[in-house]
Amino acid sequence: MHETGIAAEILDIAEREAARRGAAGIAAVTVRVGDLSGVVAEALSFAFEALCAGTAAAGARLHVERVAVRARCPHCRRESQPGADLVLWCPDCGQPLDVIAGQELQVESLELREAV
């Protein structure tokens, strides 16, 4: 399950930023996960929760924002949102589409606990 490695990296990013800002801990992390990223949101959340135990992020919430697949035709510039079948061909001119969204996997924001 590669989600454990991804969750560990998210936690590392959050802990480094919390330390850089002098925060007491981490309350929440928001990540953007594209439908084509290969990441299972539920598995990522489970792994994140398990890894946070005993760290500055203990009890932190992981918010996963799903990013739908969007594509653009390089020929006619039409944007589309492919369905579940992921047909990546322009419905107007038949050219292959360029994926412009849906591959993301990024930390979007952190909610830090203030040092007392």
Protein backbone atom coordinates (compact mmCIF):
# COMPACT_ATOMS: atom_id res chain seq x y z
CA MET A 1 0.00 0.00 0.00
CA HIS A 2 1.89 3.04 -1.25
CA GLU A 3 -0.52 5.34 0.62
CA THR A 4 1.54 4.72 3.78
CA GLY A 5 4.63 6.20 2.15
CA ILE A 6 2.62 9.14 0.84
CA ALA A 7 1.07 9.72 4.27
CA ALA A 8 4.56 9.65 5.82
CA GLU A 9 5.73 12.31 3.36
CA ILE A 10 2.66 14.48 4.07
CA LEU A 11 3.33 14.18 7.80
CA ASP A 12 7.01 15.07 7.25
CA ILE A 13 6.06 18.17 5.25
CA ALA A 14 3.59 19.24 7.94
CA GLU A 15 6.04 18.66 10.80
CA ARG A 16 8.82 20.61 9.06
CA GLU A 17 6.49 23.55 8.41
CA ALA A 18 5.15 23.47 11.98
CA ALA A 19 8.70 23.52 13.34
CA ARG A 20 9.69 26.33 10.97
CA ARG A 21 6.78 28.43 12.25
CA GLY A 22 7.29 27.55 15.92
CA ALA A 23 3.88 25.89 16.19
CA ALA A 24 2.94 23.64 19.09
CA GLY A 25 1.42 21.06 16.79
CA ILE A 26 -0.65 20.28 13.75
CA ALA A 27 -4.45 20.36 13.87
CA ALA A 28 -5.28 19.58 10.25
CA VAL A 29 -3.76 19.03 6.82
CA THR A 30 -5.59 19.50 3.54
CA VAL A 31 -4.34 17.65 0.47
CA ARG A 32 -5.50 17.73 -3.14
CA VAL A 33 -5.65 14.27 -4.70
CA GLY A 34 -6.35 13.85 -8.40
CA ASP A 35 -8.50 11.01 -9.68
CA LEU A 36 -5.56 9.86 -11.84
CA SER A 37 -3.01 9.99 -9.01
CA GLY A 38 -3.53 6.34 -8.09
CA VAL A 39 -4.12 7.26 -4.44
CA VAL A 40 -7.03 5.75 -2.52
CA ALA A 41 -8.29 8.52 -0.23
CA GLU A 42 -9.58 6.18 2.48
CA ALA A 43 -6.28 4.29 2.65
CA LEU A 44 -4.37 7.58 2.77
CA SER A 45 -6.52 8.84 5.65
CA PHE A 46 -6.10 5.58 7.56
CA ALA A 47 -2.32 5.60 7.12
CA PHE A 48 -2.06 9.28 8.07
CA GLU A 49 -4.03 8.75 11.28
CA ALA A 50 -1.86 5.77 12.24
CA LEU A 51 1.40 7.63 11.55
CA CYS A 52 0.33 10.73 13.53
CA ALA A 53 0.05 8.86 16.82
CA GLY A 54 2.74 10.08 19.21
CA THR A 55 3.80 13.00 17.01
CA ALA A 56 3.10 16.74 16.93
CA ALA A 57 0.23 15.83 14.62
CA ALA A 58 -1.50 13.43 17.02
CA GLY A 59 -5.25 13.81 16.49
CA ALA A 60 -4.78 15.88 13.33
CA ARG A 61 -7.47 15.67 10.67
CA LEU A 62 -6.59 14.92 7.06
CA HIS A 63 -8.93 16.62 4.60
CA VAL A 64 -8.76 15.14 1.13
CA GLU A 65 -9.98 17.34 -1.72
CA ARG A 66 -10.69 15.24 -4.79
CA VAL A 67 -9.60 16.73 -8.13
CA ALA A 68 -11.61 15.48 -11.10
CA VAL A 69 -9.95 14.73 -14.42
CA ARG A 70 -10.05 17.58 -16.91
CA ALA A 71 -8.54 17.53 -20.36
CA ARG A 72 -7.96 19.95 -23.24
CA CYS A 73 -7.60 19.31 -26.92
CA PRO A 74 -4.33 20.79 -28.19
CA HIS A 75 -5.88 21.17 -31.64
CA CYS A 76 -9.28 22.83 -31.10
CA ARG A 77 -8.65 23.92 -27.44
CA ARG A 78 -11.93 22.40 -26.22
CA GLU A 79 -11.89 21.45 -22.54
CA SER A 80 -13.74 18.39 -21.34
CA GLN A 81 -14.19 16.24 -18.28
CA PRO A 82 -13.76 12.61 -19.32
CA GLY A 83 -16.19 10.17 -17.75
CA ALA A 84 -15.43 6.99 -15.86
CA ASP A 85 -14.31 5.33 -19.11
CA LEU A 86 -11.45 7.89 -19.34
CA VAL A 87 -11.71 8.29 -23.08
CA LEU A 88 -9.01 10.87 -23.74
CA TRP A 89 -9.94 11.75 -27.31
CA CYS A 90 -11.56 15.04 -28.30
CA PRO A 91 -15.27 14.52 -28.93
CA ASP A 92 -15.20 17.32 -31.54
CA CYS A 93 -12.10 16.70 -33.65
CA GLY A 94 -10.90 13.24 -32.55
CA GLN A 95 -7.41 14.37 -31.45
CA PRO A 96 -5.80 12.96 -28.28
CA LEU A 97 -6.40 15.15 -25.24
CA ASP A 98 -3.86 16.63 -22.84
CA VAL A 99 -4.69 16.03 -19.17
CA ILE A 100 -4.74 19.42 -17.40
CA ALA A 101 -6.11 18.33 -14.00
CA GLY A 102 -6.58 15.13 -12.06
CA GLN A 103 -2.98 14.02 -11.52
CA GLU A 104 -2.38 16.24 -8.47
CA LEU A 105 -1.05 15.05 -5.17
CA GLN A 106 -0.13 18.09 -3.10
CA VAL A 107 -0.37 19.52 0.37
CA GLU A 108 -2.75 22.44 -0.01
CA SER A 109 -2.84 23.86 3.52
CA LEU A 110 -2.01 23.27 7.17
CA GLU A 111 -3.86 24.25 10.31
CA LEU A 112 -1.30 24.62 13.07
CA ARG A 113 -1.72 24.75 16.85
CA GLU A 114 -0.19 27.84 18.43
CA ALA A 115 2.52 27.48 21.03
CA VAL A 116 1.33 28.62 24.45
